[in-house]
Amino acid sequence: MDKDEFVCPCCGYRGLTQSPYKNMLANRIVRGVEPPYEQVFGNPSYEICACCGFEFGNDDDPGTSEPVSFEDYLINWIDSGCKWFDSDLMPDEWSLENQLDLAKQ
């Protein structure tokens, strides 16, 4: 992984342009932490994941919407068909299973 490439803590996509939250050090998926994530990981980037569409600092912030955890968002995204937020960036032969496996490494 390129040092300038960051992983979506929700779906494992390796293509974010910045850290989702200021103090989020690990480039991997995050589970078992309740939103709002700003309280745990610092200021959000407000970047939207090109894969799952999670917006860091918005989808998890109860001030702007109902807070949703990475786990719940991922389940809802999968249940709705795993449609890419920016389908132009979807790699050929993409697999969510492979993406989640790579994010665990």
N, C-alpha and C. Protein backbone atom coordinates (compact mmCIF):
# COMPACT_ATOMS: atom_id res chain seq x y z
N MET A 1 0.85 -1.18 0.00
CA MET A 1 0.00 0.00 0.00
C MET A 1 0.89 1.23 0.00
N ASP A 2 0.57 2.20 -0.82
CA ASP A 2 1.28 3.46 -0.90
C ASP A 2 1.12 4.21 0.42
N LYS A 3 2.17 4.88 0.88
CA LYS A 3 2.10 5.58 2.17
C LYS A 3 1.09 6.73 2.14
N ASP A 4 0.72 7.21 0.95
CA ASP A 4 -0.24 8.28 0.83
C ASP A 4 -1.66 7.76 0.58
N GLU A 5 -1.85 6.47 0.72
CA GLU A 5 -3.14 5.85 0.50
C GLU A 5 -3.68 5.39 1.85
N PHE A 6 -4.94 5.69 2.10
CA PHE A 6 -5.54 5.35 3.38
C PHE A 6 -6.70 4.39 3.17
N VAL A 7 -6.98 3.59 4.20
CA VAL A 7 -8.01 2.56 4.14
C VAL A 7 -9.29 3.06 4.80
N CYS A 8 -10.43 2.77 4.17
CA CYS A 8 -11.72 3.09 4.76
C CYS A 8 -11.94 2.16 5.95
N PRO A 9 -12.14 2.71 7.15
CA PRO A 9 -12.35 1.86 8.32
C PRO A 9 -13.70 1.16 8.31
N CYS A 10 -14.57 1.51 7.37
CA CYS A 10 -15.88 0.88 7.25
C CYS A 10 -15.82 -0.34 6.32
N CYS A 11 -15.35 -0.14 5.08
CA CYS A 11 -15.40 -1.22 4.08
C CYS A 11 -14.04 -1.76 3.65
N GLY A 12 -12.95 -1.13 4.10
CA GLY A 12 -11.63 -1.63 3.76
C GLY A 12 -11.07 -1.12 2.44
N TYR A 13 -11.77 -0.20 1.76
CA TYR A 13 -11.28 0.33 0.48
C TYR A 13 -9.95 1.05 0.69
N ARG A 14 -8.96 0.69 -0.14
CA ARG A 14 -7.62 1.28 -0.06
C ARG A 14 -7.48 2.35 -1.13
N GLY A 15 -8.02 3.53 -0.86
CA GLY A 15 -7.94 4.58 -1.86
C GLY A 15 -8.33 5.94 -1.32
N LEU A 16 -8.52 6.06 0.00
CA LEU A 16 -8.82 7.37 0.55
C LEU A 16 -7.60 8.26 0.39
N THR A 17 -7.81 9.55 0.24
CA THR A 17 -6.70 10.48 0.03
C THR A 17 -6.12 11.01 1.33
N GLN A 18 -6.82 10.79 2.45
CA GLN A 18 -6.32 11.25 3.75
C GLN A 18 -6.88 10.36 4.85
N SER A 19 -6.33 10.51 6.02
CA SER A 19 -6.82 9.72 7.15
C SER A 19 -8.27 10.12 7.43
N PRO A 20 -9.15 9.16 7.64
CA PRO A 20 -10.56 9.48 7.89
C PRO A 20 -10.77 10.38 9.11
N TYR A 21 -9.92 10.22 10.11
CA TYR A 21 -9.96 11.03 11.33
C TYR A 21 -8.53 11.37 11.71
N LYS A 22 -8.33 12.53 12.28
CA LYS A 22 -6.99 13.05 12.54
C LYS A 22 -6.08 12.07 13.29
N ASN A 23 -6.60 11.41 14.30
CA ASN A 23 -5.76 10.54 15.14
C ASN A 23 -5.97 9.06 14.85
N MET A 24 -6.53 8.73 13.71
CA MET A 24 -6.72 7.33 13.35
C MET A 24 -5.42 6.84 12.73
N LEU A 25 -4.67 6.07 13.48
CA LEU A 25 -3.34 5.65 13.05
C LEU A 25 -3.35 4.40 12.19
N ALA A 26 -4.25 3.50 12.46
CA ALA A 26 -4.24 2.21 11.75
C ALA A 26 -4.97 2.31 10.42
N ASN A 27 -4.34 1.80 9.37
CA ASN A 27 -4.95 1.74 8.06
C ASN A 27 -5.65 0.40 7.89
N ARG A 28 -6.76 0.22 8.62
CA ARG A 28 -7.52 -1.02 8.56
C ARG A 28 -8.95 -0.76 8.98
N ILE A 29 -9.78 -1.77 8.82
CA ILE A 29 -11.17 -1.62 9.22
C ILE A 29 -11.25 -1.49 10.74
N VAL A 30 -12.29 -0.83 11.22
CA VAL A 30 -12.47 -0.60 12.66
C VAL A 30 -13.80 -1.21 13.07
N ARG A 31 -13.79 -2.00 14.11
CA ARG A 31 -15.00 -2.61 14.65
C ARG A 31 -15.00 -2.45 16.16
N GLY A 32 -16.20 -2.42 16.75
CA GLY A 32 -16.34 -2.39 18.20
C GLY A 32 -16.21 -1.02 18.83
N VAL A 33 -16.23 0.03 18.03
CA VAL A 33 -16.17 1.40 18.55
C VAL A 33 -17.47 2.08 18.15
N GLU A 34 -18.11 2.76 19.10
CA GLU A 34 -19.38 3.42 18.83
C GLU A 34 -19.18 4.87 18.38
N PRO A 35 -20.01 5.32 17.45
CA PRO A 35 -19.96 6.72 17.01
C PRO A 35 -20.56 7.64 18.07
N PRO A 36 -20.25 8.92 18.00
CA PRO A 36 -19.50 9.59 16.94
C PRO A 36 -18.00 9.33 17.08
N TYR A 37 -17.37 9.03 15.97
CA TYR A 37 -15.96 8.64 15.96
C TYR A 37 -15.01 9.81 16.23
N GLU A 38 -15.47 11.01 16.03
CA GLU A 38 -14.64 12.18 16.32
C GLU A 38 -14.19 12.18 17.78
N GLN A 39 -15.04 11.71 18.68
CA GLN A 39 -14.70 11.67 20.11
C GLN A 39 -13.56 10.70 20.40
N VAL A 40 -13.39 9.70 19.57
CA VAL A 40 -12.35 8.69 19.77
C VAL A 40 -11.12 8.98 18.92
N PHE A 41 -11.33 9.36 17.66
CA PHE A 41 -10.24 9.47 16.70
C PHE A 41 -9.87 10.89 16.29
N GLY A 42 -10.53 11.91 16.83
CA GLY A 42 -10.20 13.29 16.48
C GLY A 42 -11.00 13.80 15.29
N ASN A 43 -10.61 14.96 14.80
CA ASN A 43 -11.34 15.63 13.73
C ASN A 43 -11.48 14.75 12.49
N PRO A 44 -12.69 14.72 11.93
CA PRO A 44 -12.93 13.93 10.72
C PRO A 44 -12.45 14.66 9.47
N SER A 45 -12.22 13.89 8.42
CA SER A 45 -11.79 14.46 7.15
C SER A 45 -12.96 14.93 6.30
N TYR A 46 -14.13 14.41 6.53
CA TYR A 46 -15.33 14.64 5.72
C TYR A 46 -15.18 14.11 4.30
N GLU A 47 -14.15 13.31 4.07
CA GLU A 47 -14.00 12.64 2.78
C GLU A 47 -15.08 11.57 2.68
N ILE A 48 -15.55 11.33 1.49
CA ILE A 48 -16.53 10.28 1.23
C ILE A 48 -15.80 9.12 0.57
N CYS A 49 -15.96 7.93 1.14
CA CYS A 49 -15.33 6.74 0.57
C CYS A 49 -15.92 6.48 -0.81
N ALA A 50 -15.04 6.36 -1.80
CA ALA A 50 -15.48 6.12 -3.18
C ALA A 50 -16.16 4.76 -3.33
N CYS A 51 -15.88 3.86 -2.43
CA CYS A 51 -16.47 2.52 -2.50
C CYS A 51 -17.84 2.50 -1.82
N CYS A 52 -17.88 2.59 -0.50
CA CYS A 52 -19.14 2.43 0.23
C CYS A 52 -19.93 3.72 0.41
N GLY A 53 -19.29 4.87 0.26
CA GLY A 53 -19.99 6.13 0.39
C GLY A 53 -20.07 6.68 1.80
N PHE A 54 -19.39 6.05 2.77
CA PHE A 54 -19.40 6.57 4.14
C PHE A 54 -18.69 7.92 4.16
N GLU A 55 -19.33 8.93 4.75
CA GLU A 55 -18.69 10.25 4.89
C GLU A 55 -18.26 10.41 6.34
N PHE A 56 -16.95 10.46 6.54
CA PHE A 56 -16.36 10.53 7.87
C PHE A 56 -16.66 11.88 8.51
N GLY A 57 -17.33 11.83 9.67
CA GLY A 57 -17.71 13.04 10.37
C GLY A 57 -19.15 13.44 10.10
N ASN A 58 -19.78 12.83 9.12
CA ASN A 58 -21.17 13.12 8.84
C ASN A 58 -22.05 11.90 9.15
N ASP A 59 -21.74 10.77 8.56
CA ASP A 59 -22.58 9.59 8.77
C ASP A 59 -22.54 9.09 10.21
N ASP A 60 -21.50 9.41 10.93
CA ASP A 60 -21.36 8.95 12.31
C ASP A 60 -21.64 10.04 13.34
N ASP A 61 -22.01 11.25 12.92
CA ASP A 61 -22.17 12.38 13.82
C ASP A 61 -23.65 12.64 14.08
N PRO A 62 -24.09 12.50 15.32
CA PRO A 62 -25.51 12.67 15.61
C PRO A 62 -26.00 14.11 15.41
N GLY A 63 -25.12 15.07 15.21
CA GLY A 63 -25.53 16.45 14.98
C GLY A 63 -25.98 16.70 13.56
N THR A 64 -25.55 15.86 12.62
CA THR A 64 -25.90 16.08 11.22
C THR A 64 -26.81 14.99 10.66
N SER A 65 -26.86 13.86 11.31
CA SER A 65 -27.72 12.76 10.89
C SER A 65 -27.80 11.77 12.04
N GLU A 66 -28.62 10.76 11.89
CA GLU A 66 -28.62 9.70 12.89
C GLU A 66 -27.26 9.03 12.86
N PRO A 67 -26.61 8.88 14.00
CA PRO A 67 -25.28 8.25 13.99
C PRO A 67 -25.38 6.79 13.57
N VAL A 68 -24.42 6.38 12.76
CA VAL A 68 -24.38 4.98 12.33
C VAL A 68 -22.95 4.48 12.49
N SER A 69 -22.82 3.28 13.01
CA SER A 69 -21.49 2.69 13.20
C SER A 69 -20.98 2.17 11.86
N PHE A 70 -19.68 1.95 11.79
CA PHE A 70 -19.10 1.35 10.58
C PHE A 70 -19.76 0.00 10.29
N GLU A 71 -19.99 -0.78 11.35
CA GLU A 71 -20.57 -2.10 11.17
C GLU A 71 -21.98 -2.03 10.57
N ASP A 72 -22.81 -1.17 11.15
CA ASP A 72 -24.19 -1.05 10.66
C ASP A 72 -24.24 -0.47 9.25
N TYR A 73 -23.39 0.50 8.98
CA TYR A 73 -23.35 1.09 7.64
C TYR A 73 -22.96 0.03 6.61
N LEU A 74 -21.93 -0.76 6.94
CA LEU A 74 -21.47 -1.81 6.03
C LEU A 74 -22.56 -2.84 5.77
N ILE A 75 -23.25 -3.26 6.81
CA ILE A 75 -24.35 -4.22 6.65
C ILE A 75 -25.43 -3.65 5.73
N ASN A 76 -25.82 -2.41 5.96
CA ASN A 76 -26.85 -1.78 5.12
C ASN A 76 -26.38 -1.64 3.68
N TRP A 77 -25.10 -1.29 3.49
CA TRP A 77 -24.54 -1.14 2.14
C TRP A 77 -24.53 -2.49 1.42
N ILE A 78 -24.14 -3.54 2.12
CA ILE A 78 -24.13 -4.89 1.53
C ILE A 78 -25.57 -5.31 1.18
N ASP A 79 -26.50 -5.08 2.13
CA ASP A 79 -27.89 -5.45 1.90
C ASP A 79 -28.50 -4.71 0.72
N SER A 80 -27.99 -3.52 0.41
CA SER A 80 -28.53 -2.75 -0.71
C SER A 80 -27.77 -3.03 -2.01
N GLY A 81 -26.86 -4.01 -1.99
CA GLY A 81 -26.23 -4.45 -3.23
C GLY A 81 -24.79 -4.01 -3.46
N CYS A 82 -24.14 -3.43 -2.47
CA CYS A 82 -22.73 -3.02 -2.58
C CYS A 82 -22.48 -2.08 -3.77
N LYS A 83 -23.39 -1.18 -4.03
CA LYS A 83 -23.21 -0.24 -5.13
C LYS A 83 -22.12 0.77 -4.78
N TRP A 84 -21.15 0.90 -5.67
CA TRP A 84 -20.04 1.83 -5.45
C TRP A 84 -20.53 3.27 -5.51
N PHE A 85 -20.06 4.09 -4.59
CA PHE A 85 -20.39 5.51 -4.57
C PHE A 85 -19.84 6.19 -5.83
N ASP A 86 -18.60 5.84 -6.19
CA ASP A 86 -17.98 6.35 -7.43
C ASP A 86 -17.58 5.15 -8.27
N SER A 87 -18.50 4.70 -9.10
CA SER A 87 -18.29 3.47 -9.87
C SER A 87 -17.12 3.59 -10.85
N ASP A 88 -16.70 4.80 -11.20
CA ASP A 88 -15.55 4.97 -12.09
C ASP A 88 -14.26 4.47 -11.45
N LEU A 89 -14.22 4.41 -10.12
CA LEU A 89 -13.01 3.98 -9.41
C LEU A 89 -13.03 2.49 -9.04
N MET A 90 -14.10 1.81 -9.38
CA MET A 90 -14.22 0.38 -9.05
C MET A 90 -13.25 -0.43 -9.90
N PRO A 91 -12.32 -1.15 -9.25
CA PRO A 91 -11.36 -1.97 -10.00
C PRO A 91 -12.04 -3.13 -10.73
N ASP A 92 -11.45 -3.54 -11.84
CA ASP A 92 -11.91 -4.74 -12.52
C ASP A 92 -11.74 -5.91 -11.56
N GLU A 93 -12.64 -6.87 -11.64
CA GLU A 93 -12.56 -8.07 -10.79
C GLU A 93 -12.67 -7.74 -9.30
N TRP A 94 -13.32 -6.63 -8.94
CA TRP A 94 -13.47 -6.24 -7.53
C TRP A 94 -14.30 -7.25 -6.76
N SER A 95 -13.91 -7.50 -5.52
CA SER A 95 -14.65 -8.39 -4.63
C SER A 95 -14.61 -7.80 -3.22
N LEU A 96 -15.77 -7.63 -2.61
CA LEU A 96 -15.82 -7.12 -1.24
C LEU A 96 -15.09 -8.06 -0.29
N GLU A 97 -15.26 -9.36 -0.49
CA GLU A 97 -14.59 -10.33 0.37
C GLU A 97 -13.07 -10.14 0.34
N ASN A 98 -12.50 -10.00 -0.85
CA ASN A 98 -11.06 -9.77 -0.97
C ASN A 98 -10.65 -8.44 -0.35
N GLN A 99 -11.47 -7.42 -0.54
CA GLN A 99 -11.16 -6.11 0.01
C GLN A 99 -11.14 -6.16 1.55
N LEU A 100 -12.10 -6.81 2.15
CA LEU A 100 -12.14 -6.93 3.60
C LEU A 100 -10.98 -7.78 4.11
N ASP A 101 -10.62 -8.84 3.39
CA ASP A 101 -9.48 -9.67 3.77
C ASP A 101 -8.19 -8.87 3.73
N LEU A 102 -7.99 -8.07 2.69
CA LEU A 102 -6.77 -7.26 2.57
C LEU A 102 -6.70 -6.22 3.69
N ALA A 103 -7.83 -5.68 4.09
CA ALA A 103 -7.84 -4.67 5.14
C ALA A 103 -7.47 -5.23 6.49
N LYS A 104 -7.61 -6.53 6.66
CA LYS A 104 -7.25 -7.16 7.93
C LYS A 104 -5.75 -7.32 8.09
N GLN A 105 -5.02 -7.20 6.97
CA GLN A 105 -3.56 -7.42 7.02
C GLN A 105 -2.83 -6.22 7.55
